[in-house]
C-alpha cells in the first residue's frame, strides 16, 4: 500500500528533509518516489533503509550525472527519484554506513552548488523586480504584482543564502581546526 505525503522544504533545509525521510524510514515507511512537494512511501521493515539527498552539479539526465548515479548504485544505493537537480537515494542499512561525502571539503562543495543555484535565482528575481518596477513606473500603474513577487523571491533567496553561508562557514571552521 502506497502512502503519499505532501510537504514543503526549502532548498537550504535539505538536512531537515533528509532527517524527516530517515525518521519515516525508521518507522517502516520507505521512500519510493518523489515529486514537487510530494513523497510516496511503501511499507518496509522499520529502519531497513537510510536516505540521502544530493544536489547535483548538472541536471539528472546529463551524462556525468547519469554516470555518477550509476556509480552510487554500484555501491548499493538505490536511486529513488529526483526533482530538478535534487537526487534522492536510499540504501539498506544492513549493507553498511551510507555516506555520500567522505570529507568536509566535499560537503562544502555540495553547499556551494546549492548556494550558487539559490544566488542565481535570487539575482534573476532582483533584476526582474527592478525591471518591472521601472516598467510600471513608466506606465504609472498603481500595482506591480510581478515586481512584488520578484522582490519577495529575491528576499527569500537572500535569506536562504545567508543560512547556507553560515553552514559553509561552520564547516570551513571545522576543517581549519583539523588542519592545525
Protein backbone atom coordinates (compact mmCIF):
# COMPACT_ATOMS: atom_id res chain seq x y z
CA UNK A 1 0.00 0.00 0.00
CA UNK A 2 1.38 3.39 -1.00
CA UNK A 3 1.12 6.47 1.16
CA UNK A 4 1.55 9.97 -0.29
CA UNK A 5 2.62 12.89 1.86
CA UNK A 6 2.81 16.44 0.57
CA UNK A 7 5.33 18.58 2.40
CA UNK A 8 7.44 21.67 1.64
CA UNK A 9 11.14 22.08 2.37
CA UNK A 10 13.36 24.99 1.40
CA UNK A 11 16.47 24.02 -0.58
CA UNK A 12 18.72 25.18 2.28
CA UNK A 13 16.85 22.90 4.69
CA UNK A 14 17.81 19.72 2.83
CA UNK A 15 19.25 18.29 6.07
CA UNK A 16 15.83 18.66 7.75
CA UNK A 17 14.22 16.97 4.75
CA UNK A 18 16.74 14.13 4.91
CA UNK A 19 16.20 13.76 8.67
CA UNK A 20 12.42 13.64 8.19
CA UNK A 21 12.72 10.98 5.47
CA UNK A 22 15.02 8.90 7.69
CA UNK A 23 12.59 9.21 10.62
CA UNK A 24 9.81 7.85 8.42
CA UNK A 25 12.09 5.04 7.21
CA UNK A 26 12.83 4.20 10.85
CA UNK A 27 9.06 3.85 11.37
CA UNK A 28 8.71 1.49 8.39
CA UNK A 29 7.81 3.89 5.59
CA UNK A 30 10.41 3.74 2.84
CA UNK A 31 10.59 6.37 0.15
CA UNK A 32 9.73 5.05 -3.33
CA UNK A 33 9.00 8.20 -5.36
CA UNK A 34 9.40 11.98 -5.19
CA UNK A 35 7.96 14.99 -6.98
CA UNK A 36 7.24 18.65 -6.31
CA UNK A 37 6.43 18.72 -2.59
CA UNK A 38 5.25 15.11 -2.96
CA UNK A 39 6.70 12.00 -1.37
CA UNK A 40 5.42 8.47 -1.88
CA UNK A 41 6.16 5.71 0.61
CA UNK A 42 5.61 1.99 0.93
CA UNK A 43 5.73 -0.22 3.98
CA UNK A 44 9.11 -1.71 4.77
CA UNK A 45 10.87 -3.06 7.80
CA UNK A 46 11.46 -0.28 10.34
CA UNK A 47 14.98 1.07 9.90
CA UNK A 48 15.61 -1.02 6.79
CA UNK A 49 16.78 1.95 4.71
CA UNK A 50 18.86 5.08 5.11
CA UNK A 51 18.02 8.06 2.89
CA UNK A 52 20.39 10.67 1.44
CA UNK A 53 19.81 13.71 -0.76
CA UNK A 54 22.23 15.38 -3.09
CA UNK A 55 22.09 18.46 -5.29
CA UNK A 56 23.90 17.51 -8.50
CA UNK A 57 26.26 19.74 -10.44
CA UNK A 58 24.33 19.16 -13.65
CA UNK A 59 20.80 18.03 -14.50
CA UNK A 60 19.84 14.46 -13.63
CA UNK A 61 19.79 13.42 -17.30
CA UNK A 62 23.24 14.86 -18.06
CA UNK A 63 25.75 12.07 -18.92
CA UNK A 64 28.00 13.00 -15.98
CA UNK A 65 25.06 12.82 -13.56
CA UNK A 66 23.88 9.52 -15.05
CA UNK A 67 27.39 8.12 -14.62
CA UNK A 68 27.59 9.40 -11.03
CA UNK A 69 24.19 7.91 -10.11
CA UNK A 70 25.26 4.62 -11.73
CA UNK A 71 28.43 4.69 -9.60
CA UNK A 72 26.34 5.21 -6.45
CA UNK A 73 24.07 2.32 -7.46
CA UNK A 74 27.17 0.12 -7.85
CA UNK A 75 27.90 0.82 -4.16
CA UNK A 76 24.46 -0.49 -3.16
CA UNK A 77 22.47 2.75 -3.17
CA UNK A 78 19.14 2.94 -4.99
CA UNK A 79 18.10 6.00 -6.97
CA UNK A 80 14.56 6.54 -5.67
CA UNK A 81 13.83 9.61 -7.73
CA UNK A 82 14.78 13.15 -8.50
CA UNK A 83 13.34 16.62 -8.66
CA UNK A 84 15.15 19.29 -10.65
CA UNK A 85 18.81 18.68 -9.73
CA UNK A 86 17.99 17.01 -6.40
CA UNK A 87 18.53 13.27 -6.31
CA UNK A 88 17.01 11.04 -3.62
CA UNK A 89 18.89 7.89 -2.72
CA UNK A 90 18.31 5.05 -0.31
CA UNK A 91 20.47 2.20 0.85
CA UNK A 92 19.78 -0.79 3.03
CA UNK A 93 21.27 -0.23 6.46
CA UNK A 94 22.35 -3.88 6.52
CA UNK A 95 24.81 -3.02 3.70
CA UNK A 96 26.72 -0.66 5.98
CA UNK A 97 27.12 3.06 6.54
CA UNK A 98 25.54 5.30 3.90
CA UNK A 99 27.62 8.43 3.41
CA UNK A 100 27.87 10.49 0.25
CA UNK A 101 30.69 12.72 1.48
CA UNK A 102 33.88 11.27 2.85
CA UNK A 103 35.36 14.60 3.91
CA UNK A 104 34.47 18.16 4.86
CA UNK A 105 35.64 19.56 1.52
CA UNK A 106 33.06 17.54 -0.41
CA UNK A 107 30.33 18.75 2.00
CA UNK A 108 31.45 22.32 1.34
CA UNK A 109 31.34 21.72 -2.44
CA UNK A 110 27.78 20.40 -2.06
CA UNK A 111 26.75 23.52 -0.14
CA UNK A 112 28.43 25.67 -2.81
CA UNK A 113 26.33 24.01 -5.54
CA UNK A 114 23.11 24.76 -3.64
CA UNK A 115 24.31 28.26 -2.76
CA UNK A 116 25.17 29.07 -6.39
CA UNK A 117 21.74 27.94 -7.57
CA UNK A 118 19.91 29.98 -4.92
CA UNK A 119 22.05 33.08 -5.50
CA UNK A 120 21.44 32.95 -9.27
CA UNK A 121 17.70 32.55 -8.64
CA UNK A 122 17.77 35.49 -6.23
CA UNK A 123 19.79 37.71 -8.58
CA UNK A 124 17.46 36.98 -11.51
CA UNK A 125 14.43 37.83 -9.40
CA UNK A 126 16.04 41.01 -8.11
CA UNK A 127 16.71 42.02 -11.72
CA UNK A 128 13.10 41.19 -12.67
CA UNK A 129 11.83 43.20 -9.72
CA UNK A 130 13.88 46.25 -10.68
CA UNK A 131 12.93 45.90 -14.34
CA UNK A 132 9.23 45.59 -13.55
CA UNK A 133 9.35 48.49 -11.10
CA UNK A 134 10.77 50.82 -13.77
CA UNK A 135 8.39 49.41 -16.38
CA UNK A 136 5.35 50.01 -14.19
CA UNK A 137 6.56 53.48 -13.12
CA UNK A 138 6.80 54.47 -16.75
CA UNK A 139 3.19 53.31 -17.31
CA UNK A 140 2.11 54.87 -13.99
CA UNK A 141 0.46 51.65 -12.90
CA UNK A 142 -0.67 51.59 -9.24
CA UNK A 143 0.12 47.92 -8.62
CA UNK A 144 3.14 45.92 -9.69
CA UNK A 145 2.40 42.31 -8.69
CA UNK A 146 5.20 40.82 -10.79
CA UNK A 147 7.71 43.20 -9.23
CA UNK A 148 6.46 42.47 -5.71
CA UNK A 149 6.63 38.73 -6.33
CA UNK A 150 10.13 39.04 -7.80
CA UNK A 151 11.36 41.09 -4.84
CA UNK A 152 9.82 38.54 -2.46
CA UNK A 153 11.58 35.63 -4.16
CA UNK A 154 14.85 37.60 -4.14
CA UNK A 155 14.45 38.28 -0.39
CA UNK A 156 13.70 34.63 0.37
CA UNK A 157 16.73 33.59 -1.71
CA UNK A 158 18.88 36.08 0.21
CA UNK A 159 17.65 34.60 3.50
CA UNK A 160 18.46 31.07 2.30
CA UNK A 161 21.86 32.18 1.04
CA UNK A 162 22.73 33.58 4.47
CA UNK A 163 21.75 30.27 6.08
CA UNK A 164 23.93 28.36 3.61
CA UNK A 165 26.83 30.79 4.07
CA UNK A 166 26.63 30.16 7.82
CA UNK A 167 26.60 26.36 7.34
CA UNK A 168 29.57 26.64 5.00
CA UNK A 169 31.44 28.90 7.41
CA UNK A 170 30.90 26.39 10.22
CA UNK A 171 32.25 23.56 8.05
CA UNK A 172 35.25 25.64 6.99
CA UNK A 173 35.99 26.40 10.64
CA UNK A 174 35.80 22.69 11.48
CA UNK A 175 38.10 21.96 8.56
CA UNK A 176 40.67 24.53 9.70
CA UNK A 177 40.59 23.14 13.25
CA UNK A 178 41.53 19.69 11.97
CA UNK A 179 44.31 21.09 9.79
CA UNK A 180 46.11 22.66 12.75
